[in-house]
């Protein structure tokens, strides 16, 4: 056998040997940790997840003297006892209890007709913010209140507004103060691309 042939035979044998090691398992990982090593276990939770105290958001809105009579009159169940109300709990006003954001919508097309923020004062809730200029929707974002108001031009169908105004409020000196305002123009094409944003 020539030197080249012997080298080729040796490489082939080595390849078979390596292939044999690779079949049927993943090596030492199948055997678990080495003797004397420990496997890290997830630490048990020392405290349960915080619970959120639920409130009757519909009663809050209906008993709020600042809510318009029109919103109260139209706030009725859509199906059985299901009201068109979205409720969010979170920290907005720096209190020890969660604040409550309530969005009231229409049943048919889920258009926001009013957004409200309630702050816990003792055992009661105080109205500290409201917008009743539909379509409107309020959310909690990293401790700030973000209100989105869709903008309709003449001839816009309900499902396709021309754009939106996004207003961010921060709680300061016992009231919400506007921090920023962004206007987004939607694409004219149905299902078009991203809106064009401009900040004031």
N, C-alpha and C. Protein backbone atom coordinates (compact mmCIF):
# COMPACT_ATOMS: atom_id res chain seq x y z
N UNK A 1 0.84 -1.19 0.00
CA UNK A 1 0.00 0.00 0.00
C UNK A 1 0.88 1.24 0.00
N UNK A 2 0.53 2.18 -0.80
CA UNK A 2 1.32 3.41 -0.88
C UNK A 2 1.07 4.25 0.36
N UNK A 3 1.94 5.24 0.54
CA UNK A 3 1.78 6.11 1.72
C UNK A 3 0.47 6.87 1.64
N UNK A 4 0.13 7.29 0.39
CA UNK A 4 -1.13 8.02 0.25
C UNK A 4 -2.32 7.14 0.57
N UNK A 5 -2.27 5.86 0.13
CA UNK A 5 -3.38 4.94 0.41
C UNK A 5 -3.51 4.67 1.88
N UNK A 6 -2.38 4.54 2.58
CA UNK A 6 -2.42 4.28 4.02
C UNK A 6 -3.03 5.46 4.76
N UNK A 7 -2.66 6.66 4.32
CA UNK A 7 -3.22 7.85 4.98
C UNK A 7 -4.71 7.93 4.78
N UNK A 8 -5.16 7.59 3.54
CA UNK A 8 -6.60 7.64 3.27
C UNK A 8 -7.33 6.60 4.10
N UNK A 9 -6.76 5.41 4.24
CA UNK A 9 -7.39 4.36 5.04
C UNK A 9 -7.48 4.78 6.50
N UNK A 10 -6.42 5.45 6.97
CA UNK A 10 -6.43 5.90 8.36
C UNK A 10 -7.51 6.95 8.60
N UNK A 11 -7.66 7.89 7.67
CA UNK A 11 -8.70 8.91 7.81
C UNK A 11 -10.08 8.29 7.76
N UNK A 12 -10.27 7.29 6.89
CA UNK A 12 -11.57 6.63 6.80
C UNK A 12 -11.89 5.92 8.10
N UNK A 13 -10.91 5.27 8.70
CA UNK A 13 -11.13 4.58 9.97
C UNK A 13 -11.47 5.57 11.07
N UNK A 14 -10.76 6.70 11.04
CA UNK A 14 -11.04 7.72 12.04
C UNK A 14 -12.45 8.27 11.88
N UNK A 15 -12.86 8.46 10.62
CA UNK A 15 -14.21 8.95 10.36
C UNK A 15 -15.26 7.98 10.85
N UNK A 16 -15.06 6.68 10.63
CA UNK A 16 -16.01 5.67 11.12
C UNK A 16 -16.07 5.68 12.64
N UNK A 17 -14.90 5.87 13.26
CA UNK A 17 -14.86 5.89 14.72
C UNK A 17 -15.65 7.06 15.26
N UNK A 18 -15.48 8.26 14.64
CA UNK A 18 -16.22 9.43 15.10
C UNK A 18 -17.70 9.28 14.84
N UNK A 19 -18.04 8.70 13.69
CA UNK A 19 -19.45 8.51 13.38
C UNK A 19 -20.08 7.57 14.38
N UNK A 20 -19.35 6.56 14.81
CA UNK A 20 -19.88 5.62 15.79
C UNK A 20 -20.18 6.30 17.11
N UNK A 21 -19.35 7.27 17.46
CA UNK A 21 -19.59 7.99 18.72
C UNK A 21 -20.82 8.87 18.62
N UNK A 22 -21.11 9.37 17.41
CA UNK A 22 -22.19 10.32 17.28
C UNK A 22 -23.55 9.67 17.18
N UNK A 23 -23.63 8.39 16.85
CA UNK A 23 -24.94 7.77 16.68
C UNK A 23 -25.47 7.25 17.99
N UNK A 24 -26.78 7.38 18.17
CA UNK A 24 -27.42 6.77 19.32
C UNK A 24 -27.37 7.58 20.58
N UNK A 25 -26.95 8.84 20.53
CA UNK A 25 -26.95 9.62 21.76
C UNK A 25 -26.18 10.91 21.59
N UNK A 26 -26.10 11.66 22.64
CA UNK A 26 -25.41 12.95 22.61
C UNK A 26 -24.23 12.96 23.57
N UNK A 27 -23.68 11.82 23.85
CA UNK A 27 -22.49 11.78 24.68
C UNK A 27 -22.80 11.94 26.15
N UNK A 28 -21.89 12.67 26.85
CA UNK A 28 -21.99 12.80 28.30
C UNK A 28 -23.27 13.49 28.74
N UNK A 29 -23.89 14.27 27.84
CA UNK A 29 -25.10 14.98 28.25
C UNK A 29 -26.23 14.02 28.58
N UNK A 30 -26.20 12.81 28.02
CA UNK A 30 -27.24 11.83 28.32
C UNK A 30 -27.11 11.30 29.74
N UNK A 31 -25.94 11.42 30.31
CA UNK A 31 -25.68 10.83 31.62
C UNK A 31 -25.96 11.78 32.77
N UNK A 32 -26.34 13.02 32.48
CA UNK A 32 -26.61 13.96 33.55
C UNK A 32 -25.34 14.64 34.02
N UNK A 33 -25.38 15.37 35.13
CA UNK A 33 -24.22 16.11 35.60
C UNK A 33 -23.13 15.18 36.12
N UNK A 34 -21.89 15.67 36.10
CA UNK A 34 -20.78 14.88 36.61
C UNK A 34 -20.97 14.64 38.10
N UNK A 35 -20.29 13.56 38.57
CA UNK A 35 -20.41 13.22 39.99
C UNK A 35 -19.95 14.38 40.85
N UNK A 36 -20.76 14.69 41.83
CA UNK A 36 -20.42 15.78 42.74
C UNK A 36 -20.97 17.12 42.28
N UNK A 37 -21.45 17.20 40.99
CA UNK A 37 -22.00 18.47 40.51
C UNK A 37 -23.46 18.56 40.91
N UNK A 38 -23.97 19.76 41.00
CA UNK A 38 -25.36 19.95 41.37
C UNK A 38 -26.13 20.54 40.20
N UNK A 39 -27.40 20.24 40.12
CA UNK A 39 -28.25 20.78 39.08
C UNK A 39 -29.06 21.92 39.68
N UNK A 40 -28.99 23.09 39.05
CA UNK A 40 -29.71 24.25 39.58
C UNK A 40 -31.21 24.03 39.43
N UNK A 41 -31.94 24.24 40.49
CA UNK A 41 -33.39 24.13 40.48
C UNK A 41 -33.98 25.53 40.58
N UNK A 42 -35.10 25.79 39.89
CA UNK A 42 -35.72 27.11 40.01
C UNK A 42 -36.15 27.38 41.45
N UNK A 43 -35.80 28.56 41.92
CA UNK A 43 -36.13 28.91 43.30
C UNK A 43 -37.64 29.07 43.44
N UNK A 44 -38.23 28.51 44.48
CA UNK A 44 -39.67 28.67 44.68
C UNK A 44 -40.01 30.14 44.93
N UNK A 45 -41.14 30.55 44.46
CA UNK A 45 -41.57 31.94 44.64
C UNK A 45 -41.80 32.21 46.11
N UNK A 46 -41.15 33.26 46.62
CA UNK A 46 -41.28 33.57 48.04
C UNK A 46 -42.58 34.30 48.35
N UNK A 47 -43.18 34.93 47.32
CA UNK A 47 -44.44 35.63 47.54
C UNK A 47 -45.36 35.42 46.35
N UNK A 48 -46.65 35.28 46.59
CA UNK A 48 -47.58 35.07 45.49
C UNK A 48 -47.72 36.33 44.65
N UNK A 49 -48.20 36.14 43.41
CA UNK A 49 -48.41 37.28 42.53
C UNK A 49 -49.43 38.22 43.15
N UNK A 50 -49.20 39.53 43.00
CA UNK A 50 -50.13 40.49 43.60
C UNK A 50 -51.54 40.34 43.02
N UNK A 51 -52.52 40.46 43.88
CA UNK A 51 -53.90 40.35 43.42
C UNK A 51 -54.45 41.74 43.14
N UNK A 52 -55.32 41.81 42.16
CA UNK A 52 -55.93 43.09 41.78
C UNK A 52 -57.34 43.14 42.35
N UNK A 53 -57.63 44.19 43.06
CA UNK A 53 -58.96 44.37 43.61
C UNK A 53 -59.90 44.85 42.50
N UNK A 54 -60.83 44.00 42.12
CA UNK A 54 -61.77 44.33 41.05
C UNK A 54 -62.86 45.26 41.56
N UNK A 55 -63.32 46.12 40.68
CA UNK A 55 -64.41 47.03 41.03
C UNK A 55 -65.51 46.90 39.98
N UNK A 56 -66.67 47.39 40.33
CA UNK A 56 -67.80 47.42 39.40
C UNK A 56 -67.66 48.69 38.57
N UNK A 57 -67.02 48.55 37.41
CA UNK A 57 -66.74 49.72 36.57
C UNK A 57 -68.02 50.36 36.05
N UNK A 58 -69.02 49.57 35.76
CA UNK A 58 -70.28 50.11 35.27
C UNK A 58 -70.92 51.00 36.33
N UNK A 59 -70.91 50.54 37.58
CA UNK A 59 -71.46 51.34 38.68
C UNK A 59 -70.65 52.62 38.88
N UNK A 60 -69.32 52.53 38.73
CA UNK A 60 -68.48 53.72 38.86
C UNK A 60 -68.91 54.79 37.87
N UNK A 61 -69.09 54.37 36.62
CA UNK A 61 -69.46 55.33 35.56
C UNK A 61 -70.87 55.88 35.80
N UNK A 62 -71.81 54.99 36.11
CA UNK A 62 -73.19 55.44 36.27
C UNK A 62 -73.39 56.33 37.48
N UNK A 63 -72.56 56.16 38.51
CA UNK A 63 -72.69 56.99 39.72
C UNK A 63 -71.80 58.23 39.69
N UNK A 64 -71.07 58.41 38.61
CA UNK A 64 -70.16 59.55 38.50
C UNK A 64 -70.92 60.77 37.97
N UNK A 65 -71.05 61.83 38.77
CA UNK A 65 -71.80 63.01 38.31
C UNK A 65 -71.13 63.74 37.15
N UNK A 66 -69.84 63.46 36.90
CA UNK A 66 -69.13 64.12 35.81
C UNK A 66 -69.38 63.45 34.46
N UNK A 67 -69.91 62.23 34.47
CA UNK A 67 -70.19 61.52 33.22
C UNK A 67 -71.46 62.08 32.62
N UNK A 68 -71.46 62.29 31.31
CA UNK A 68 -72.62 62.89 30.64
C UNK A 68 -73.84 61.98 30.72
N UNK A 69 -75.00 62.60 30.68
CA UNK A 69 -76.26 61.84 30.72
C UNK A 69 -76.38 60.94 29.50
N UNK A 70 -75.83 61.36 28.36
CA UNK A 70 -75.91 60.55 27.14
C UNK A 70 -75.14 59.25 27.28
N UNK A 71 -73.93 59.32 27.83
CA UNK A 71 -73.13 58.11 28.03
C UNK A 71 -73.83 57.17 29.01
N UNK A 72 -74.35 57.71 30.09
CA UNK A 72 -75.05 56.88 31.07
C UNK A 72 -76.29 56.23 30.46
N UNK A 73 -77.01 56.99 29.66
CA UNK A 73 -78.23 56.45 29.05
C UNK A 73 -77.92 55.31 28.08
N UNK A 74 -76.83 55.45 27.33
CA UNK A 74 -76.49 54.44 26.32
C UNK A 74 -75.70 53.26 26.89
N UNK A 75 -75.27 53.35 28.14
CA UNK A 75 -74.48 52.27 28.74
C UNK A 75 -75.41 51.14 29.19
N UNK A 76 -75.63 50.22 28.25
CA UNK A 76 -76.52 49.08 28.50
C UNK A 76 -75.81 47.80 28.08
N UNK A 77 -76.26 46.66 28.60
CA UNK A 77 -75.63 45.39 28.21
C UNK A 77 -75.80 45.13 26.71
N UNK A 78 -74.75 44.58 26.10
CA UNK A 78 -74.82 44.19 24.69
C UNK A 78 -75.49 42.82 24.56
N UNK A 79 -75.04 41.87 25.40
CA UNK A 79 -75.59 40.52 25.43
C UNK A 79 -75.72 40.11 26.89
N UNK A 80 -76.89 39.64 27.28
CA UNK A 80 -77.13 39.22 28.67
C UNK A 80 -76.70 40.35 29.61
N UNK A 81 -75.69 40.07 30.46
CA UNK A 81 -75.23 41.10 31.40
C UNK A 81 -73.83 41.60 31.04
N UNK A 82 -73.44 41.45 29.76
CA UNK A 82 -72.12 41.89 29.31
C UNK A 82 -72.19 43.33 28.79
N UNK A 83 -71.50 44.23 29.50
CA UNK A 83 -71.49 45.65 29.12
C UNK A 83 -70.29 45.95 28.21
N UNK A 84 -70.43 46.94 27.32
CA UNK A 84 -69.32 47.31 26.44
C UNK A 84 -68.31 48.21 27.16
N UNK A 85 -67.61 47.64 28.12
CA UNK A 85 -66.70 48.41 28.98
C UNK A 85 -65.37 47.66 29.09
N UNK A 86 -64.27 48.36 28.82
CA UNK A 86 -62.92 47.83 29.06
C UNK A 86 -62.38 48.48 30.33
N UNK A 87 -61.74 47.69 31.18
CA UNK A 87 -61.23 48.20 32.45
C UNK A 87 -59.76 47.83 32.60
N UNK A 88 -58.93 48.81 32.99
CA UNK A 88 -57.51 48.57 33.24
C UNK A 88 -57.17 49.04 34.66
N UNK A 89 -56.29 48.27 35.33
CA UNK A 89 -55.86 48.61 36.68
C UNK A 89 -54.35 48.84 36.65
N UNK A 90 -53.89 49.90 37.28
CA UNK A 90 -52.46 50.17 37.32
C UNK A 90 -52.14 51.45 38.06
N UNK A 91 -50.84 51.74 38.15
CA UNK A 91 -50.37 52.92 38.87
C UNK A 91 -50.26 54.11 37.92
N UNK A 92 -51.03 55.14 38.22
CA UNK A 92 -51.00 56.36 37.43
C UNK A 92 -50.80 57.62 38.27
N UNK A 93 -51.38 57.63 39.46
CA UNK A 93 -51.40 58.86 40.26
C UNK A 93 -50.52 58.81 41.50
N UNK A 94 -49.71 57.77 41.62
CA UNK A 94 -48.77 57.69 42.75
C UNK A 94 -49.38 57.25 44.05
N UNK A 95 -50.62 56.79 44.05
CA UNK A 95 -51.26 56.32 45.27
C UNK A 95 -50.83 54.91 45.63
N UNK A 96 -51.24 54.47 46.81
CA UNK A 96 -50.89 53.12 47.25
C UNK A 96 -51.75 52.05 46.59
N UNK A 97 -52.91 52.44 46.09
CA UNK A 97 -53.81 51.51 45.42
C UNK A 97 -53.79 51.75 43.92
N UNK A 98 -54.21 50.74 43.17
CA UNK A 98 -54.27 50.87 41.72
C UNK A 98 -55.30 51.91 41.31
N UNK A 99 -54.98 52.64 40.27
CA UNK A 99 -55.95 53.50 39.63
C UNK A 99 -56.73 52.67 38.62
N UNK A 100 -57.87 53.19 38.20
CA UNK A 100 -58.74 52.44 37.30
C UNK A 100 -59.04 53.28 36.07
N UNK A 101 -58.78 52.70 34.89
CA UNK A 101 -59.11 53.35 33.63
C UNK A 101 -60.29 52.60 33.03
N UNK A 102 -61.35 53.33 32.71
CA UNK A 102 -62.56 52.72 32.16
C UNK A 102 -62.83 53.31 30.78
N UNK A 103 -62.99 52.45 29.79
CA UNK A 103 -63.37 52.86 28.45
C UNK A 103 -64.76 52.33 28.16
N UNK A 104 -65.67 53.24 27.82
CA UNK A 104 -67.04 52.87 27.46
C UNK A 104 -67.16 52.90 25.95
N UNK A 105 -67.70 51.82 25.37
CA UNK A 105 -67.79 51.71 23.92
C UNK A 105 -69.22 51.42 23.48
N UNK A 106 -69.42 51.47 22.16
CA UNK A 106 -70.71 51.08 21.61
C UNK A 106 -70.72 49.58 21.40
N UNK A 107 -71.89 48.99 21.41
CA UNK A 107 -71.99 47.54 21.25
C UNK A 107 -71.72 47.10 19.81
N UNK A 108 -72.29 47.81 18.85
CA UNK A 108 -72.21 47.36 17.46
C UNK A 108 -70.83 47.38 16.87
N UNK A 109 -70.13 48.52 16.94
CA UNK A 109 -68.83 48.64 16.28
C UNK A 109 -67.69 48.94 17.23
N UNK A 110 -67.92 48.86 18.55
CA UNK A 110 -66.88 49.04 19.57
C UNK A 110 -66.16 50.38 19.44
N UNK A 111 -66.91 51.43 19.14
CA UNK A 111 -66.35 52.78 19.09
C UNK A 111 -66.33 53.35 20.51
N UNK A 112 -65.17 53.85 20.94
CA UNK A 112 -65.06 54.42 22.28
C UNK A 112 -65.80 55.73 22.38
N UNK A 113 -66.73 55.82 23.32
CA UNK A 113 -67.53 57.05 23.49
C UNK A 113 -67.11 57.84 24.72
N UNK A 114 -66.32 57.22 25.60
CA UNK A 114 -65.87 57.93 26.80
C UNK A 114 -64.76 57.17 27.50
N UNK A 115 -63.77 57.92 28.00
CA UNK A 115 -62.66 57.33 28.75
C UNK A 115 -62.54 58.05 30.08
N UNK A 116 -62.36 57.29 31.16
CA UNK A 116 -62.38 57.86 32.51
C UNK A 116 -61.28 57.24 33.37
N UNK A 117 -60.74 58.05 34.29
CA UNK A 117 -59.75 57.55 35.24
C UNK A 117 -60.27 57.82 36.65
N UNK A 118 -60.20 56.78 37.49
CA UNK A 118 -60.64 56.89 38.88
C UNK A 118 -59.48 56.57 39.81
N UNK A 119 -59.35 57.42 40.83
CA UNK A 119 -58.28 57.27 41.81
C UNK A 119 -58.87 56.88 43.15
N UNK A 120 -58.22 55.91 43.82
CA UNK A 120 -58.70 55.47 45.13
C UNK A 120 -58.41 56.54 46.18
N UNK A 121 -59.46 56.95 46.89
CA UNK A 121 -59.32 57.89 48.00
C UNK A 121 -60.05 57.26 49.18
N UNK A 122 -59.28 56.68 50.09
CA UNK A 122 -59.89 55.91 51.17
C UNK A 122 -60.56 54.68 50.60
N UNK A 123 -61.82 54.50 50.89
CA UNK A 123 -62.56 53.35 50.36
C UNK A 123 -63.40 53.71 49.14
N UNK A 124 -63.27 54.93 48.68
CA UNK A 124 -64.04 55.37 47.52
C UNK A 124 -63.12 55.68 46.35
N UNK A 125 -63.71 55.90 45.18
CA UNK A 125 -62.94 56.26 44.00
C UNK A 125 -63.36 57.65 43.51
N UNK A 126 -62.35 58.45 43.21
CA UNK A 126 -62.59 59.83 42.77
C UNK A 126 -62.27 59.94 41.29
N UNK A 127 -63.17 60.60 40.55
CA UNK A 127 -62.94 60.84 39.13
C UNK A 127 -61.88 61.92 38.96
N UNK A 128 -60.79 61.58 38.23
CA UNK A 128 -59.70 62.55 38.06
C UNK A 128 -59.43 62.85 36.58
N UNK A 129 -60.15 62.18 35.68
CA UNK A 129 -59.93 62.43 34.25
C UNK A 129 -61.11 61.88 33.46
N UNK A 130 -61.49 62.62 32.41
CA UNK A 130 -62.53 62.12 31.52
C UNK A 130 -62.41 62.78 30.16
N UNK A 131 -62.71 62.01 29.13
CA UNK A 131 -62.79 62.50 27.75
C UNK A 131 -64.01 61.86 27.14
N UNK A 132 -64.89 62.68 26.59
CA UNK A 132 -66.11 62.17 25.96
C UNK A 132 -66.23 62.73 24.54
N UNK A 133 -65.16 62.53 23.76
CA UNK A 133 -65.13 62.96 22.37
C UNK A 133 -64.84 61.73 21.52
N UNK A 134 -65.86 60.98 21.13
CA UNK A 134 -65.63 59.75 20.38
C UNK A 134 -65.10 60.03 18.98
N UNK A 135 -64.35 59.04 18.45
CA UNK A 135 -63.90 57.79 19.07
C UNK A 135 -62.65 58.04 19.93
N UNK A 136 -62.67 57.51 21.14
CA UNK A 136 -61.57 57.73 22.09
C UNK A 136 -61.29 56.43 22.84
N UNK A 137 -60.01 56.25 23.22
CA UNK A 137 -59.63 55.07 24.00
C UNK A 137 -58.41 55.44 24.84
N UNK A 138 -58.43 55.10 26.14
CA UNK A 138 -57.34 55.43 27.06
C UNK A 138 -56.67 54.17 27.57
N UNK A 139 -55.35 54.25 27.77
CA UNK A 139 -54.57 53.11 28.26
C UNK A 139 -53.51 53.58 29.24
N UNK A 140 -53.00 52.63 30.03
CA UNK A 140 -51.88 52.88 30.93
C UNK A 140 -50.61 52.39 30.24
N UNK A 141 -49.63 53.29 30.14
CA UNK A 141 -48.37 52.93 29.49
C UNK A 141 -47.20 53.42 30.34
N UNK A 142 -46.55 52.49 31.03
CA UNK A 142 -45.37 52.80 31.84
C UNK A 142 -45.61 53.95 32.81
N UNK A 143 -46.77 53.91 33.46
CA UNK A 143 -47.08 54.90 34.48
C UNK A 143 -47.70 56.17 33.95
N UNK A 144 -47.88 56.27 32.64
CA UNK A 144 -48.52 57.43 32.05
C UNK A 144 -49.86 57.05 31.45
N UNK A 145 -50.71 58.04 31.25
CA UNK A 145 -52.00 57.83 30.63
C UNK A 145 -51.89 58.22 29.16
N UNK A 146 -52.23 57.28 28.27
CA UNK A 146 -52.15 57.53 26.83
C UNK A 146 -53.55 57.46 26.26
N UNK A 147 -53.98 58.57 25.65
CA UNK A 147 -55.32 58.68 25.09
C UNK A 147 -55.22 58.76 23.57
N UNK A 148 -55.92 57.86 22.89
CA UNK A 148 -55.94 57.84 21.43
C UNK A 148 -57.32 58.29 20.94
N UNK A 149 -57.31 59.31 20.07
CA UNK A 149 -58.55 59.83 19.52
C UNK A 149 -58.47 59.75 18.00
N UNK A 150 -59.34 58.95 17.40
CA UNK A 150 -59.32 58.80 15.96
C UNK A 150 -59.93 60.04 15.29
N UNK A 151 -59.39 60.36 14.13
CA UNK A 151 -59.80 61.55 13.39
C UNK A 151 -60.47 61.12 12.09
N UNK A 152 -61.65 61.67 11.84
CA UNK A 152 -62.41 61.36 10.63
C UNK A 152 -62.52 62.60 9.75
N UNK A 153 -62.23 62.41 8.47
CA UNK A 153 -62.50 63.44 7.48
C UNK A 153 -63.88 63.19 6.88
N UNK A 154 -64.39 64.15 6.17
CA UNK A 154 -65.70 64.01 5.56
C UNK A 154 -65.72 62.81 4.62
N UNK A 155 -66.71 61.94 4.82
CA UNK A 155 -66.85 60.77 3.96
C UNK A 155 -66.15 59.53 4.48
N UNK A 156 -65.38 59.63 5.58
CA UNK A 156 -64.70 58.44 6.12
C UNK A 156 -65.72 57.48 6.71
N UNK A 157 -65.65 56.18 6.35
CA UNK A 157 -66.51 55.20 7.04
C UNK A 157 -66.01 54.98 8.46
N UNK A 158 -66.87 54.45 9.33
CA UNK A 158 -66.52 54.27 10.74
C UNK A 158 -65.28 53.39 10.89
N UNK A 159 -65.15 52.36 10.05
CA UNK A 159 -64.04 51.43 10.20
C UNK A 159 -62.72 51.95 9.63
N UNK A 160 -62.75 53.07 8.90
CA UNK A 160 -61.53 53.58 8.28
C UNK A 160 -61.37 55.09 8.52
N UNK A 161 -60.92 55.49 9.71
CA UNK A 161 -60.67 56.91 9.95
C UNK A 161 -59.45 57.39 9.16
N UNK A 162 -59.33 58.69 9.02
CA UNK A 162 -58.20 59.25 8.28
C UNK A 162 -56.91 59.26 9.10
N UNK A 163 -57.04 59.26 10.41
CA UNK A 163 -55.85 59.31 11.24
C UNK A 163 -56.21 59.25 12.72
N UNK A 164 -55.24 59.61 13.55
CA UNK A 164 -55.45 59.58 15.00
C UNK A 164 -54.54 60.58 15.68
N UNK A 165 -54.99 61.06 16.82
CA UNK A 165 -54.16 61.86 17.72
C UNK A 165 -53.87 61.03 18.96
N UNK A 166 -52.60 60.92 19.32
CA UNK A 166 -52.19 60.16 20.50
C UNK A 166 -51.60 61.15 21.50
N UNK A 167 -52.26 61.26 22.66
CA UNK A 167 -51.86 62.25 23.66
C UNK A 167 -51.40 61.53 24.93
N UNK A 168 -50.23 61.87 25.43
CA UNK A 168 -49.68 61.26 26.64
C UNK A 168 -49.78 62.26 27.79
N UNK A 169 -50.35 61.79 28.91
CA UNK A 169 -50.50 62.63 30.11
C UNK A 169 -49.69 62.01 31.25
N UNK A 170 -49.13 62.87 32.08
CA UNK A 170 -48.40 62.44 33.28
C UNK A 170 -49.02 63.11 34.50
N UNK A 171 -49.15 62.36 35.59
CA UNK A 171 -49.75 62.89 36.81
C UNK A 171 -48.75 63.81 37.51
N UNK A 172 -49.14 65.05 37.75
CA UNK A 172 -48.28 66.02 38.41
C UNK A 172 -49.13 67.05 39.13
N UNK A 173 -48.77 67.33 40.37
CA UNK A 173 -49.48 68.33 41.18
C UNK A 173 -50.99 68.04 41.22
N UNK A 174 -51.31 66.77 41.48
CA UNK A 174 -52.70 66.33 41.64
C UNK A 174 -53.58 66.49 40.39
N UNK A 175 -52.96 66.41 39.23
CA UNK A 175 -53.74 66.44 38.00
C UNK A 175 -52.91 65.85 36.86
N UNK A 176 -53.58 65.51 35.77
CA UNK A 176 -52.88 65.01 34.59
C UNK A 176 -52.44 66.18 33.72
N UNK A 177 -51.17 66.18 33.38
CA UNK A 177 -50.59 67.23 32.55
C UNK A 177 -50.14 66.63 31.23
N UNK A 178 -50.51 67.26 30.13
CA UNK A 178 -50.13 66.75 28.81
C UNK A 178 -48.62 66.82 28.63
N UNK A 179 -48.03 65.68 28.21
CA UNK A 179 -46.59 65.59 28.00
C UNK A 179 -46.22 65.64 26.52
N UNK A 180 -47.00 64.98 25.69
CA UNK A 180 -46.70 64.96 24.26
C UNK A 180 -47.96 64.66 23.49
N UNK A 181 -47.90 65.03 22.19
CA UNK A 181 -49.04 64.80 21.31
C UNK A 181 -48.50 64.40 19.95
N UNK A 182 -48.99 63.27 19.43
CA UNK A 182 -48.56 62.77 18.13
C UNK A 182 -49.77 62.59 17.24
N UNK A 183 -49.63 63.01 15.98
CA UNK A 183 -50.70 62.80 15.00
C UNK A 183 -50.24 61.80 13.96
N UNK A 184 -51.05 60.79 13.70
CA UNK A 184 -50.76 59.78 12.69
C UNK A 184 -51.78 59.87 11.57
N UNK A 185 -51.30 59.99 10.34
CA UNK A 185 -52.17 59.93 9.16
C UNK A 185 -52.16 58.50 8.63
N UNK A 186 -53.34 57.92 8.46
CA UNK A 186 -53.43 56.57 7.94
C UNK A 186 -53.32 56.56 6.42
N UNK A 187 -52.92 55.42 5.89
CA UNK A 187 -52.84 55.24 4.45
C UNK A 187 -54.23 55.30 3.85
N UNK A 188 -54.33 55.84 2.65
CA UNK A 188 -55.61 55.90 1.95
C UNK A 188 -56.03 54.53 1.43
N UNK A 189 -55.06 53.63 1.21
CA UNK A 189 -55.37 52.31 0.71
C UNK A 189 -55.84 51.44 1.86
N UNK A 190 -56.87 50.65 1.62
CA UNK A 190 -57.39 49.74 2.65
C UNK A 190 -56.28 48.74 3.00
N UNK A 191 -56.00 48.60 4.29
CA UNK A 191 -54.94 47.68 4.72
C UNK A 191 -53.58 48.15 4.30
N UNK A 192 -53.41 49.47 4.15
CA UNK A 192 -52.15 50.03 3.67
C UNK A 192 -51.04 49.92 4.70
N UNK A 193 -49.94 50.60 4.41
CA UNK A 193 -48.76 50.50 5.26
C UNK A 193 -48.92 51.26 6.55
N UNK A 194 -47.77 51.51 7.21
CA UNK A 194 -47.77 52.17 8.51
C UNK A 194 -48.21 53.62 8.36
N UNK A 195 -48.85 54.17 9.41
CA UNK A 195 -49.25 55.57 9.34
C UNK A 195 -48.05 56.49 9.42
N UNK A 196 -48.20 57.69 8.90
CA UNK A 196 -47.16 58.69 8.98
C UNK A 196 -47.38 59.50 10.24
N UNK A 197 -46.35 59.60 11.07
CA UNK A 197 -46.49 60.25 12.38
C UNK A 197 -45.85 61.61 12.37
N UNK A 198 -46.48 62.55 13.05
CA UNK A 198 -45.91 63.87 13.27
C UNK A 198 -46.17 64.27 14.70
N UNK A 199 -45.14 64.73 15.39
CA UNK A 199 -45.27 65.07 16.82
C UNK A 199 -45.30 66.57 17.00
N UNK A 200 -46.23 67.02 17.85
CA UNK A 200 -46.35 68.45 18.13
C UNK A 200 -45.56 68.80 19.37
